[in-house]
PDB file of N, CA and C in Angstrom:
ATOM      1  N   MET A   1      63.553   6.060  91.276  1.00  0.00           N
ATOM      2  CA  MET A   1      64.512   6.535  92.265  1.00  0.00           C
ATOM      3  C   MET A   1      63.859   7.509  93.246  1.00  0.00           C
ATOM      4  N   GLY A   2      62.599   7.841  93.018  1.00  0.00           N
ATOM      5  CA  GLY A   2      61.889   8.681  93.965  1.00  0.00           C
ATOM      6  C   GLY A   2      62.000  10.164  93.721  1.00  0.00           C
ATOM      7  N   LEU A   3      62.667  10.587  92.642  1.00  0.00           N
ATOM      8  CA  LEU A   3      62.783  12.011  92.336  1.00  0.00           C
ATOM      9  C   LEU A   3      61.649  12.424  91.426  1.00  0.00           C
ATOM     10  N   LYS A   4      61.151  13.640  91.629  1.00  0.00           N
ATOM     11  CA  LYS A   4      60.016  14.122  90.853  1.00  0.00           C
ATOM     12  C   LYS A   4      60.438  14.511  89.448  1.00  0.00           C
ATOM     13  N   THR A   5      59.495  14.386  88.523  1.00  0.00           N
ATOM     14  CA  THR A   5      59.702  14.838  87.158  1.00  0.00           C
ATOM     15  C   THR A   5      58.571  15.774  86.792  1.00  0.00           C
ATOM     16  N   SER A   6      58.656  16.366  85.611  1.00  0.00           N
ATOM     17  CA  SER A   6      57.657  17.359  85.220  1.00  0.00           C
ATOM     18  C   SER A   6      56.313  16.743  84.831  1.00  0.00           C
ATOM     19  N   GLY A   7      56.219  15.437  84.759  1.00  0.00           N
ATOM     20  CA  GLY A   7      54.941  14.809  84.421  1.00  0.00           C
ATOM     21  C   GLY A   7      54.674  14.869  82.945  1.00  0.00           C
ATOM     22  N   LYS A   8      53.429  15.244  82.577  1.00  0.00           N
ATOM     23  CA  LYS A   8      53.037  15.291  81.177  1.00  0.00           C
ATOM     24  C   LYS A   8      53.884  16.314  80.420  1.00  0.00           C
ATOM     25  N   THR A   9      54.328  15.918  79.251  1.00  0.00           N
ATOM     26  CA  THR A   9      55.091  16.823  78.413  1.00  0.00           C
ATOM     27  C   THR A   9      54.139  17.661  77.580  1.00  0.00           C
ATOM     28  N   LYS A  10      54.291  18.980  77.660  1.00  0.00           N
ATOM     29  CA  LYS A  10      53.504  19.900  76.857  1.00  0.00           C
ATOM     30  C   LYS A  10      54.475  20.686  76.001  1.00  0.00           C
ATOM     31  N   SER A  11      53.962  21.292  74.960  1.00  0.00           N
ATOM     32  CA  SER A  11      54.827  22.107  74.135  1.00  0.00           C
ATOM     33  C   SER A  11      55.310  23.307  74.940  1.00  0.00           C
ATOM     34  N   LYS A  12      56.518  23.761  74.640  1.00  0.00           N
ATOM     35  CA  LYS A  12      57.089  24.904  75.340  1.00  0.00           C
ATOM     36  C   LYS A  12      56.197  26.129  75.201  1.00  0.00           C
ATOM     37  N   LYS A  13      55.665  26.331  74.008  1.00  0.00           N
ATOM     38  CA  LYS A  13      54.796  27.489  73.760  1.00  0.00           C
ATOM     39  C   LYS A  13      53.550  27.409  74.632  1.00  0.00           C
ATOM     40  N   GLU A  14      52.948  26.230  74.722  1.00  0.00           N
ATOM     41  CA  GLU A  14      51.742  26.056  75.536  1.00  0.00           C
ATOM     42  C   GLU A  14      52.042  26.340  77.004  1.00  0.00           C
ATOM     43  N   LEU A  15      53.176  25.846  77.507  1.00  0.00           N
ATOM     44  CA  LEU A  15      53.557  26.090  78.893  1.00  0.00           C
ATOM     45  C   LEU A  15      53.734  27.580  79.157  1.00  0.00           C
ATOM     46  N   ILE A  16      54.455  28.258  78.284  1.00  0.00           N
ATOM     47  CA  ILE A  16      54.755  29.675  78.475  1.00  0.00           C
ATOM     48  C   ILE A  16      53.505  30.528  78.326  1.00  0.00           C
ATOM     49  N   ASP A  17      52.651  30.214  77.351  1.00  0.00           N
ATOM     50  CA  ASP A  17      51.430  30.997  77.132  1.00  0.00           C
ATOM     51  C   ASP A  17      50.512  30.975  78.354  1.00  0.00           C
ATOM     52  N   LYS A  18      50.467  29.861  79.058  1.00  0.00           N
ATOM     53  CA  LYS A  18      49.571  29.732  80.206  1.00  0.00           C
ATOM     54  C   LYS A  18      50.228  30.155  81.523  1.00  0.00           C
ATOM     55  N   PHE A  19      51.512  30.402  81.519  1.00  0.00           N
ATOM     56  CA  PHE A  19      52.265  30.706  82.738  1.00  0.00           C
ATOM     57  C   PHE A  19      52.100  32.168  83.139  1.00  0.00           C
ATOM     58  N   THR A  20      51.660  32.409  84.384  1.00  0.00           N
ATOM     59  CA  THR A  20      51.499  33.782  84.878  1.00  0.00           C
ATOM     60  C   THR A  20      52.497  34.124  85.978  1.00  0.00           C
ATOM     61  N   CYS A  21      53.306  33.165  86.383  1.00  0.00           N
ATOM     62  CA  CYS A  21      54.386  33.359  87.358  1.00  0.00           C
ATOM     63  C   CYS A  21      53.860  33.724  88.744  1.00  0.00           C
ATOM     64  N   GLU A  22      52.760  33.158  89.131  1.00  0.00           N
ATOM     65  CA  GLU A  22      52.199  33.413  90.458  1.00  0.00           C
ATOM     66  C   GLU A  22      52.628  32.292  91.412  1.00  0.00           C
ATOM     67  N   PRO A  23      52.787  32.606  92.709  1.00  0.00           N
ATOM     68  CA  PRO A  23      53.170  31.570  93.680  1.00  0.00           C
ATOM     69  C   PRO A  23      52.265  30.349  93.597  1.00  0.00           C
ATOM     70  N   ASN A  24      52.867  29.193  93.721  1.00  0.00           N
ATOM     71  CA  ASN A  24      52.260  27.854  93.645  1.00  0.00           C
ATOM     72  C   ASN A  24      51.955  27.401  92.223  1.00  0.00           C
ATOM     73  N   GLU A  25      52.139  28.272  91.229  1.00  0.00           N
ATOM     74  CA  GLU A  25      51.960  27.860  89.837  1.00  0.00           C
ATOM     75  C   GLU A  25      53.191  27.060  89.414  1.00  0.00           C
ATOM     76  N   ARG A  26      53.016  26.188  88.432  1.00  0.00           N
ATOM     77  CA  ARG A  26      54.115  25.347  87.957  1.00  0.00           C
ATOM     78  C   ARG A  26      54.468  25.681  86.520  1.00  0.00           C
ATOM     79  N   LEU A  27      55.750  25.593  86.234  1.00  0.00           N
ATOM     80  CA  LEU A  27      56.258  25.684  84.868  1.00  0.00           C
ATOM     81  C   LEU A  27      57.132  24.453  84.675  1.00  0.00           C
ATOM     82  N   GLY A  28      56.519  23.395  84.127  1.00  0.00           N
ATOM     83  CA  GLY A  28      57.238  22.126  84.010  1.00  0.00           C
ATOM     84  C   GLY A  28      57.536  21.586  85.393  1.00  0.00           C
ATOM     85  N   LEU A  29      58.795  21.289  85.654  1.00  0.00           N
ATOM     86  CA  LEU A  29      59.231  20.754  86.937  1.00  0.00           C
ATOM     87  C   LEU A  29      59.221  21.813  88.035  1.00  0.00           C
ATOM     88  N   PHE A  30      59.299  23.083  87.667  1.00  0.00           N
ATOM     89  CA  PHE A  30      59.503  24.151  88.634  1.00  0.00           C
ATOM     90  C   PHE A  30      58.204  24.730  89.173  1.00  0.00           C
ATOM     91  N   LYS A  31      58.159  24.882  90.476  1.00  0.00           N
ATOM     92  CA  LYS A  31      57.044  25.528  91.163  1.00  0.00           C
ATOM     93  C   LYS A  31      57.491  26.932  91.558  1.00  0.00           C
ATOM     94  N   VAL A  32      56.608  27.912  91.425  1.00  0.00           N
ATOM     95  CA  VAL A  32      56.915  29.272  91.860  1.00  0.00           C
ATOM     96  C   VAL A  32      56.667  29.342  93.367  1.00  0.00           C
ATOM     97  N   PHE A  33      57.718  29.673  94.123  1.00  0.00           N
ATOM     98  CA  PHE A  33      57.598  29.792  95.571  1.00  0.00           C
ATOM     99  C   PHE A  33      57.393  31.232  96.022  1.00  0.00           C
ATOM    100  N   TYR A  34      57.977  32.180  95.272  1.00  0.00           N
ATOM    101  CA  TYR A  34      57.992  33.566  95.729  1.00  0.00           C
ATOM    102  C   TYR A  34      58.152  34.473  94.521  1.00  0.00           C
ATOM    103  N   LYS A  35      57.492  35.629  94.597  1.00  0.00           N
ATOM    104  CA  LYS A  35      57.588  36.562  93.474  1.00  0.00           C
ATOM    105  C   LYS A  35      57.482  37.987  93.992  1.00  0.00           C
ATOM    106  N   THR A  36      58.408  38.825  93.539  1.00  0.00           N
ATOM    107  CA  THR A  36      58.316  40.262  93.771  1.00  0.00           C
ATOM    108  C   THR A  36      58.469  40.942  92.419  1.00  0.00           C
ATOM    109  N   GLU A  37      58.526  42.250  92.439  1.00  0.00           N
ATOM    110  CA  GLU A  37      58.698  42.993  91.192  1.00  0.00           C
ATOM    111  C   GLU A  37      60.029  42.655  90.516  1.00  0.00           C
ATOM    112  N   HIS A  38      61.041  42.305  91.313  1.00  0.00           N
ATOM    113  CA  HIS A  38      62.380  42.092  90.763  1.00  0.00           C
ATOM    114  C   HIS A  38      62.912  40.665  90.906  1.00  0.00           C
ATOM    115  N   GLU A  39      62.192  39.793  91.607  1.00  0.00           N
ATOM    116  CA  GLU A  39      62.731  38.456  91.835  1.00  0.00           C
ATOM    117  C   GLU A  39      61.632  37.402  91.782  1.00  0.00           C
ATOM    118  N   VAL A  40      62.013  36.247  91.232  1.00  0.00           N
ATOM    119  CA  VAL A  40      61.155  35.075  91.242  1.00  0.00           C
ATOM    120  C   VAL A  40      61.996  33.924  91.782  1.00  0.00           C
ATOM    121  N   ILE A  41      61.431  33.168  92.705  1.00  0.00           N
ATOM    122  CA  ILE A  41      62.115  31.992  93.237  1.00  0.00           C
ATOM    123  C   ILE A  41      61.296  30.769  92.849  1.00  0.00           C
ATOM    124  N   LEU A  42      61.946  29.888  92.099  1.00  0.00           N
ATOM    125  CA  LEU A  42      61.351  28.649  91.606  1.00  0.00           C
ATOM    126  C   LEU A  42      62.058  27.482  92.275  1.00  0.00           C
ATOM    127  N   GLY A  43      61.476  26.310  92.202  1.00  0.00           N
ATOM    128  CA  GLY A  43      62.168  25.141  92.721  1.00  0.00           C
ATOM    129  C   GLY A  43      61.233  23.971  92.885  1.00  0.00           C
ATOM    130  N   GLU A  44      61.676  23.067  93.745  1.00  0.00           N
ATOM    131  CA  GLU A  44      60.874  21.880  94.031  1.00  0.00           C
ATOM    132  C   GLU A  44      61.351  21.289  95.342  1.00  0.00           C
ATOM    133  N   ASP A  45      60.419  20.745  96.100  1.00  0.00           N
ATOM    134  CA  ASP A  45      60.729  20.003  97.313  1.00  0.00           C
ATOM    135  C   ASP A  45      60.548  18.524  97.013  1.00  0.00           C
ATOM    136  N   ASP A  46      61.484  17.735  97.451  1.00  0.00           N
ATOM    137  CA  ASP A  46      61.453  16.306  97.210  1.00  0.00           C
ATOM    138  C   ASP A  46      61.871  15.610  98.499  1.00  0.00           C
ATOM    139  N   LYS A  47      61.605  14.341  98.623  1.00  0.00           N
ATOM    140  CA  LYS A  47      61.997  13.659  99.865  1.00  0.00           C
ATOM    141  C   LYS A  47      63.518  13.535  99.977  1.00  0.00           C
ATOM    142  N   HIS A  48      64.233  13.595  98.846  1.00  0.00           N
ATOM    143  CA  HIS A  48      65.690  13.441  98.880  1.00  0.00           C
ATOM    144  C   HIS A  48      66.431  14.769  98.917  1.00  0.00           C
ATOM    145  N   LEU A  49      65.904  15.770  98.202  1.00  0.00           N
ATOM    146  CA  LEU A  49      66.539  17.088  98.200  1.00  0.00           C
ATOM    147  C   LEU A  49      65.538  18.143  97.780  1.00  0.00           C
ATOM    148  N   ASP A  50      65.769  19.365  98.243  1.00  0.00           N
ATOM    149  CA  ASP A  50      64.962  20.517  97.855  1.00  0.00           C
ATOM    150  C   ASP A  50      65.896  21.472  97.116  1.00  0.00           C
ATOM    151  N   PHE A  51      65.414  22.072  96.038  1.00  0.00           N
ATOM    152  CA  PHE A  51      66.253  23.044  95.345  1.00  0.00           C
ATOM    153  C   PHE A  51      65.469  24.294  95.043  1.00  0.00           C
ATOM    154  N   ARG A  52      66.202  25.402  94.963  1.00  0.00           N
ATOM    155  CA  ARG A  52      65.623  26.691  94.627  1.00  0.00           C
ATOM    156  C   ARG A  52      66.477  27.372  93.570  1.00  0.00           C
ATOM    157  N   ILE A  53      65.806  28.117  92.717  1.00  0.00           N
ATOM    158  CA  ILE A  53      66.458  28.934  91.689  1.00  0.00           C
ATOM    159  C   ILE A  53      65.913  30.346  91.859  1.00  0.00           C
ATOM    160  N   SER A  54      66.811  31.294  92.065  1.00  0.00           N
ATOM    161  CA  SER A  54      66.413  32.693  92.185  1.00  0.00           C
ATOM    162  C   SER A  54      66.753  33.398  90.878  1.00  0.00           C
ATOM    163  N   LEU A  55      65.777  34.097  90.307  1.00  0.00           N
ATOM    164  CA  LEU A  55      65.975  34.936  89.129  1.00  0.00           C
ATOM    165  C   LEU A  55      65.770  36.373  89.590  1.00  0.00           C
ATOM    166  N   LEU A  56      66.866  37.134  89.672  1.00  0.00           N
ATOM    167  CA  LEU A  56      66.823  38.491  90.204  1.00  0.00           C
ATOM    168  C   LEU A  56      67.201  39.487  89.117  1.00  0.00           C
ATOM    169  N   LYS A  57      66.279  40.396  88.812  1.00  0.00           N
ATOM    170  CA  LYS A  57      66.525  41.428  87.798  1.00  0.00           C
ATOM    171  C   LYS A  57      66.902  42.724  88.500  1.00  0.00           C
ATOM    172  N   THR A  58      68.052  43.284  88.103  1.00  0.00           N
ATOM    173  CA  THR A  58      68.491  44.565  88.654  1.00  0.00           C
ATOM    174  C   THR A  58      68.827  45.506  87.510  1.00  0.00           C
ATOM    175  N   ASN A  59      68.767  46.791  87.802  1.00  0.00           N
ATOM    176  CA  ASN A  59      69.072  47.817  86.808  1.00  0.00           C
ATOM    177  C   ASN A  59      70.499  48.299  86.997  1.00  0.00           C
ATOM    178  N   ASP A  60      71.159  48.596  85.889  1.00  0.00           N
ATOM    179  CA  ASP A  60      72.491  49.190  85.911  1.00  0.00           C
ATOM    180  C   ASP A  60      72.300  50.697  85.992  1.00  0.00           C
ATOM    181  N   LEU A  61      72.599  51.272  87.140  1.00  0.00           N
ATOM    182  CA  LEU A  61      72.364  52.695  87.345  1.00  0.00           C
ATOM    183  C   LEU A  61      73.277  53.563  86.480  1.00  0.00           C
ATOM    184  N   GLU A  62      74.452  53.047  86.118  1.00  0.00           N
ATOM    185  CA  GLU A  62      75.380  53.820  85.293  1.00  0.00           C
ATOM    186  C   GLU A  62      74.953  53.856  83.832  1.00  0.00           C
ATOM    187  N   ASN A  63      74.409  52.769  83.332  1.00  0.00           N
ATOM    188  CA  ASN A  63      73.967  52.680  81.937  1.00  0.00           C
ATOM    189  C   ASN A  63      72.451  52.533  81.921  1.00  0.00           C
ATOM    190  N   LYS A  64      71.770  53.627  81.875  1.00  0.00           N
ATOM    191  CA  LYS A  64      70.302  53.599  81.912  1.00  0.00           C
ATOM    192  C   LYS A  64      69.759  52.708  80.789  1.00  0.00           C
ATOM    193  N   GLY A  65      68.775  51.927  81.126  1.00  0.00           N
ATOM    194  CA  GLY A  65      68.169  51.034  80.148  1.00  0.00           C
ATOM    195  C   GLY A  65      68.764  49.639  80.159  1.00  0.00           C
ATOM    196  N   SER A  66      69.900  49.477  80.823  1.00  0.00           N
ATOM    197  CA  SER A  66      70.521  48.157  80.900  1.00  0.00           C
ATOM    198  C   SER A  66      69.989  47.418  82.127  1.00  0.00           C
ATOM    199  N   ASN A  67      69.785  46.135  81.975  1.00  0.00           N
ATOM    200  CA  ASN A  67      69.325  45.291  83.080  1.00  0.00           C
ATOM    201  C   ASN A  67      70.272  44.119  83.233  1.00  0.00           C
ATOM    202  N   PHE A  68      70.321  43.590  84.444  1.00  0.00           N
ATOM    203  CA  PHE A  68      71.089  42.396  84.722  1.00  0.00           C
ATOM    204  C   PHE A  68      70.157  41.332  85.258  1.00  0.00           C
ATOM    205  N   LEU A  69      70.430  40.091  84.918  1.00  0.00           N
ATOM    206  CA  LEU A  69      69.697  38.967  85.471  1.00  0.00           C
ATOM    207  C   LEU A  69      70.692  38.100  86.218  1.00  0.00           C
ATOM    208  N   THR A  70      70.504  37.999  87.523  1.00  0.00           N
ATOM    209  CA  THR A  70      71.366  37.164  88.358  1.00  0.00           C
ATOM    210  C   THR A  70      70.601  35.894  88.683  1.00  0.00           C
ATOM    211  N   ILE A  71      71.213  34.767  88.384  1.00  0.00           N
ATOM    212  CA  ILE A  71      70.584  33.476  88.643  1.00  0.00           C
ATOM    213  C   ILE A  71      71.401  32.755  89.703  1.00  0.00           C
ATOM    214  N   SER A  72      70.734  32.382  90.782  1.00  0.00           N
ATOM    215  CA  SER A  72      71.391  31.672  91.880  1.00  0.00           C
ATOM    216  C   SER A  72      70.627  30.386  92.146  1.00  0.00           C
ATOM    217  N   THR A  73      71.368  29.364  92.522  1.00  0.00           N
ATOM    218  CA  THR A  73      70.720  28.091  92.870  1.00  0.00           C
ATOM    219  C   THR A  73      71.210  27.632  94.235  1.00  0.00           C
ATOM    220  N   THR A  74      70.359  26.896  94.914  1.00  0.00           N
ATOM    221  CA  THR A  74      70.736  26.290  96.183  1.00  0.00           C
ATOM    222  C   THR A  74      70.061  24.921  96.286  1.00  0.00           C
ATOM    223  N   VAL A  75      70.745  24.015  96.950  1.00  0.00           N
ATOM    224  CA  VAL A  75      70.218  22.668  97.150  1.00  0.00           C
ATOM    225  C   VAL A  75      70.300  22.338  98.629  1.00  0.00           C
ATOM    226  N   GLN A  76      69.201  21.844  99.181  1.00  0.00           N
ATOM    227  CA  GLN A  76      69.170  21.364 100.559  1.00  0.00           C
ATOM    228  C   GLN A  76      68.987  19.850 100.504  1.00  0.00           C
ATOM    229  N   PHE A  77      69.951  19.107 101.013  1.00  0.00           N
ATOM    230  CA  PHE A  77      69.871  17.650 101.007  1.00  0.00           C
ATOM    231  C   PHE A  77      69.061  17.191 102.210  1.00  0.00           C
ATOM    232  N   ASN A  78      68.093  16.322 101.954  1.00  0.00           N
ATOM    233  CA  ASN A  78      67.231  15.826 103.022  1.00  0.00           C
ATOM    234  C   ASN A  78      67.681  14.472 103.565  1.00  0.00           C
ATOM    235  N   ASN A  79      68.522  13.773 102.816  1.00  0.00           N
ATOM    236  CA  ASN A  79      69.023  12.482 103.276  1.00  0.00           C
ATOM    237  C   ASN A  79      70.256  12.104 102.442  1.00  0.00           C
ATOM    238  N   TRP A  80      70.826  10.968 102.726  1.00  0.00           N
ATOM    239  CA  TRP A  80      72.055  10.550 102.050  1.00  0.00           C
ATOM    240  C   TRP A  80      71.828  10.315 100.560  1.00  0.00           C
ATOM    241  N   PHE A  81      70.603   9.889 100.172  1.00  0.00           N
ATOM    242  CA  PHE A  81      70.351   9.635  98.753  1.00  0.00           C
ATOM    243  C   PHE A  81      70.382  10.929  97.949  1.00  0.00           C
ATOM    244  N   GLY A  82      69.928  12.027  98.552  1.00  0.00           N
ATOM    245  CA  GLY A  82      70.008  13.325  97.879  1.00  0.00           C
ATOM    246  C   GLY A  82      71.453  13.693  97.574  1.00  0.00           C
ATOM    247  N   LYS A  83      72.333  13.478  98.533  1.00  0.00           N
ATOM    248  CA  LYS A  83      73.765  13.752  98.321  1.00  0.00           C
ATOM    249  C   LYS A  83      74.335  12.824  97.257  1.00  0.00           C
ATOM    250  N   LEU A  84      73.964  11.557  97.322  1.00  0.00           N
ATOM    251  CA  LEU A  84      74.440  10.571  96.352  1.00  0.00           C
ATOM    252  C   LEU A  84      73.956  10.911  94.947  1.00  0.00           C
ATOM    253  N   TYR A  85      72.691  11.295  94.823  1.00  0.00           N
ATOM    254  CA  TYR A  85      72.119  11.672  93.532  1.00  0.00           C
ATOM    255  C   TYR A  85      72.835  12.887  92.948  1.00  0.00           C
ATOM    256  N   PHE A  86      73.087  13.884  93.792  1.00  0.00           N
ATOM    257  CA  PHE A  86      73.644  15.141  93.293  1.00  0.00           C
ATOM    258  C   PHE A  86      75.128  15.033  92.968  1.00  0.00           C
ATOM    259  N   LEU A  87      75.820  14.076  93.529  1.00  0.00           N
ATOM    260  CA  LEU A  87      77.262  13.931  93.298  1.00  0.00           C
ATOM    261  C   LEU A  87      77.614  13.861  91.805  1.00  0.00           C
ATOM    262  N   PRO A  88      77.014  12.972  90.994  1.00  0.00           N
ATOM    263  CA  PRO A  88      77.344  12.967  89.567  1.00  0.00           C
ATOM    264  C   PRO A  88      76.653  14.092  88.779  1.00  0.00           C
ATOM    265  N   VAL A  89      75.586  14.659  89.335  1.00  0.00           N
ATOM    266  CA  VAL A  89      74.844  15.714  88.633  1.00  0.00           C
ATOM    267  C   VAL A  89      75.603  17.042  88.670  1.00  0.00           C
ATOM    268  N   LYS A  90      76.263  17.324  89.782  1.00  0.00           N
ATOM    269  CA  LYS A  90      76.896  18.630  89.993  1.00  0.00           C
ATOM    270  C   LYS A  90      77.832  19.056  88.870  1.00  0.00           C
ATOM    271  N   PRO A  91      78.776  18.229  88.401  1.00  0.00           N
ATOM    272  CA  PRO A  91      79.669  18.679  87.319  1.00  0.00           C
ATOM    273  C   PRO A  91      78.914  18.981  86.019  1.00  0.00           C
ATOM    274  N   PHE A  92      77.903  18.186  85.700  1.00  0.00           N
ATOM    275  CA  PHE A  92      77.116  18.424  84.492  1.00  0.00           C
ATOM    276  C   PHE A  92      76.265  19.682  84.648  1.00  0.00           C
ATOM    277  N   HIS A  93      75.781  19.902  85.853  1.00  0.00           N
ATOM    278  CA  HIS A  93      74.989  21.098  86.153  1.00  0.00           C
ATOM    279  C   HIS A  93      75.793  22.360  85.829  1.00  0.00           C
ATOM    280  N   LYS A  94      77.061  22.359  86.210  1.00  0.00           N
ATOM    281  CA  LYS A  94      77.929  23.523  85.967  1.00  0.00           C
ATOM    282  C   LYS A  94      78.184  23.738  84.480  1.00  0.00           C
ATOM    283  N   LEU A  95      78.119  22.685  83.683  1.00  0.00           N
ATOM    284  CA  LEU A  95      78.317  22.808  82.237  1.00  0.00           C
ATOM    285  C   LEU A  95      77.021  23.119  81.498  1.00  0.00           C
ATOM    286  N   ILE A  96      75.955  22.455  81.884  1.00  0.00           N
ATOM    287  CA  ILE A  96      74.697  22.549  81.150  1.00  0.00           C
ATOM    288  C   ILE A  96      73.970  23.873  81.399  1.00  0.00           C
ATOM    289  N   VAL A  97      73.964  24.360  82.626  1.00  0.00           N
ATOM    290  CA  VAL A  97      73.207  25.576  82.946  1.00  0.00           C
ATOM    291  C   VAL A  97      73.654  26.766  82.109  1.00  0.00           C
ATOM    292  N   PRO A  98      74.962  27.071  81.997  1.00  0.00           N
ATOM    293  CA  PRO A  98      75.354  28.206  81.144  1.00  0.00           C
ATOM    294  C   PRO A  98      74.941  28.031  79.679  1.00  0.00           C
ATOM    295  N   ILE A  99      75.002  26.820  79.167  1.00  0.00           N
ATOM    296  CA  ILE A  99      74.583  26.558  77.780  1.00  0.00           C
ATOM    297  C   ILE A  99      73.079  26.806  77.634  1.00  0.00           C
ATOM    298  N   MET A 100      72.305  26.325  78.600  1.00  0.00           N
ATOM    299  CA  MET A 100      70.856  26.544  78.562  1.00  0.00           C
ATOM    300  C   MET A 100      70.531  28.035  78.630  1.00  0.00           C
ATOM    301  N   LEU A 101      71.229  28.770  79.492  1.00  0.00           N
ATOM    302  CA  LEU A 101      70.970  30.200  79.637  1.00  0.00           C
ATOM    303  C   LEU A 101      71.287  30.959  78.352  1.00  0.00           C
ATOM    304  N   LYS A 102      72.376  30.603  77.693  1.00  0.00           N
ATOM    305  CA  LYS A 102      72.708  31.246  76.421  1.00  0.00           C
ATOM    306  C   LYS A 102      71.618  30.982  75.392  1.00  0.00           C
ATOM    307  N   GLY A 103      71.071  29.769  75.366  1.00  0.00           N
ATOM    308  CA  GLY A 103      69.989  29.442  74.444  1.00  0.00           C
ATOM    309  C   GLY A 103      68.734  30.246  74.746  1.00  0.00           C
ATOM    310  N   ILE A 104      68.426  30.414  76.039  1.00  0.00           N
ATOM    311  CA  ILE A 104      67.258  31.207  76.429  1.00  0.00           C
ATOM    312  C   ILE A 104      67.440  32.656  76.008  1.00  0.00           C
ATOM    313  N   ILE A 105      68.638  33.193  76.218  1.00  0.00           N
ATOM    314  CA  ILE A 105      68.920  34.584  75.828  1.00  0.00           C
ATOM    315  C   ILE A 105      68.754  34.754  74.323  1.00  0.00           C
ATOM    316  N   LYS A 106      69.248  33.802  73.539  1.00  0.00           N
ATOM    317  CA  LYS A 106      69.094  33.877  72.082  1.00  0.00           C
ATOM    318  C   LYS A 106      67.625  33.862  71.684  1.00  0.00           C
ATOM    319  N   GLU A 107      66.832  33.017  72.344  1.00  0.00           N
ATOM    320  CA  GLU A 107      65.392  32.957  72.037  1.00  0.00           C
ATOM    321  C   GLU A 107      64.704  34.279  72.374  1.00  0.00           C
ATOM    322  N   ILE A 108      65.041  34.839  73.526  1.00  0.00           N
ATOM    323  CA  ILE A 108      64.443  36.118  73.922  1.00  0.00           C
ATOM    324  C   ILE A 108      64.823  37.209  72.938  1.00  0.00           C
ATOM    325  N   GLU A 109      66.095  37.262  72.565  1.00  0.00           N
ATOM    326  CA  GLU A 109      66.544  38.279  71.606  1.00  0.00           C
ATOM    327  C   GLU A 109      65.841  38.096  70.260  1.00  0.00           C
ATOM    328  N   SER A 110      65.657  36.856  69.842  1.00  0.00           N
ATOM    329  CA  SER A 110      64.954  36.578  68.585  1.00  0.00           C
ATOM    330  C   SER A 110      63.500  37.025  68.668  1.00  0.00           C
ATOM    331  N   ASP A 111      62.847  36.738  69.809  1.00  0.00           N
ATOM    332  CA  ASP A 111      61.457  37.162  70.003  1.00  0.00           C
ATOM    333  C   ASP A 111      61.342  38.686  69.966  1.00  0.00           C
ATOM    334  N   ILE A 112      62.289  39.366  70.596  1.00  0.00           N
ATOM    335  CA  ILE A 112      62.288  40.832  70.593  1.00  0.00           C
ATOM    336  C   ILE A 112      62.470  41.357  69.179  1.00  0.00           C
ATOM    337  N   ASP A 113      63.409  40.774  68.442  1.00  0.00           N
ATOM    338  CA  ASP A 113      63.633  41.183  67.052  1.00  0.00           C
ATOM    339  C   ASP A 113      62.371  40.987  66.216  1.00  0.00           C
ATOM    340  N   ASN A 114      61.704  39.847  66.399  1.00  0.00           N
ATOM    341  CA  ASN A 114      60.473  39.566  65.652  1.00  0.00           C
ATOM    342  C   ASN A 114      59.372  40.563  65.989  1.00  0.00           C
ATOM    343  N   LEU A 115      59.221  40.900  67.268  1.00  0.00           N
ATOM    344  CA  LEU A 115      58.215  41.875  67.667  1.00  0.00           C
ATOM    345  C   LEU A 115      58.512  43.261  67.088  1.00  0.00           C
ATOM    346  N   GLN A 116      59.785  43.646  67.105  1.00  0.00           N
ATOM    347  CA  GLN A 116      60.160  44.932  66.546  1.00  0.00           C
ATOM    348  C   GLN A 116      59.913  44.962  65.029  1.00  0.00           C
ATOM    349  N   GLU A 117      60.180  43.849  64.357  1.00  0.00           N
ATOM    350  CA  GLU A 117      59.945  43.759  62.922  1.00  0.00           C
ATOM    351  C   GLU A 117      58.451  43.852  62.622  1.00  0.00           C
ATOM    352  N   GLN A 118      57.623  43.171  63.417  1.00  0.00           N
ATOM    353  CA  GLN A 118      56.177  43.245  63.233  1.00  0.00           C
ATOM    354  C   GLN A 118      55.657  44.664  63.420  1.00  0.00           C
ATOM    355  N   LYS A 119      56.181  45.375  64.423  1.00  0.00           N
ATOM    356  CA  LYS A 119      55.765  46.743  64.683  1.00  0.00           C
ATOM    357  C   LYS A 119      56.159  47.655  63.525  1.00  0.00           C
ATOM    358  N   SER A 120      57.338  47.452  62.953  1.00  0.00           N
ATOM    359  CA  SER A 120      57.799  48.314  61.871  1.00  0.00           C
ATOM    360  C   SER A 120      57.054  48.031  60.569  1.00  0.00           C
ATOM    361  N   ASN A 121      56.470  46.835  60.413  1.00  0.00           N
ATOM    362  CA  ASN A 121      55.707  46.489  59.220  1.00  0.00           C
ATOM    363  C   ASN A 121      54.267  46.998  59.286  1.00  0.00           C
ATOM    364  N   ARG A 122      53.869  47.534  60.413  1.00  0.00           N
ATOM    365  CA  ARG A 122      52.476  48.024  60.557  1.00  0.00           C
ATOM    366  C   ARG A 122      52.342  49.421  60.026  1.00  0.00           C
TER     367      ARG A 122
END
């Protein structure tokens, strides 16, 4: 159908271990377009549509030590096929993304717990 895929499948650990989050670097399907201290913009350009994902970290000034992660997405359609492709994807996107994010948060919390446990065992 002409849409790009991530290519070779690598283990998640291997992808993350080698990822430095620098512009033009890839993490699976996603290319890093922009990076600052508080924001990373990932995405992909395709002949049918271009998409971007912004990951923005902000601090809660009222509750010191608390952080927020705001995730925004945008899609630019390049032709009618991009619109046609995204039509059935959009409803699933709204369901799948929150589920994926909850899973990522659980993994991060588990990793933090494991690191804290390792430190306390030393």
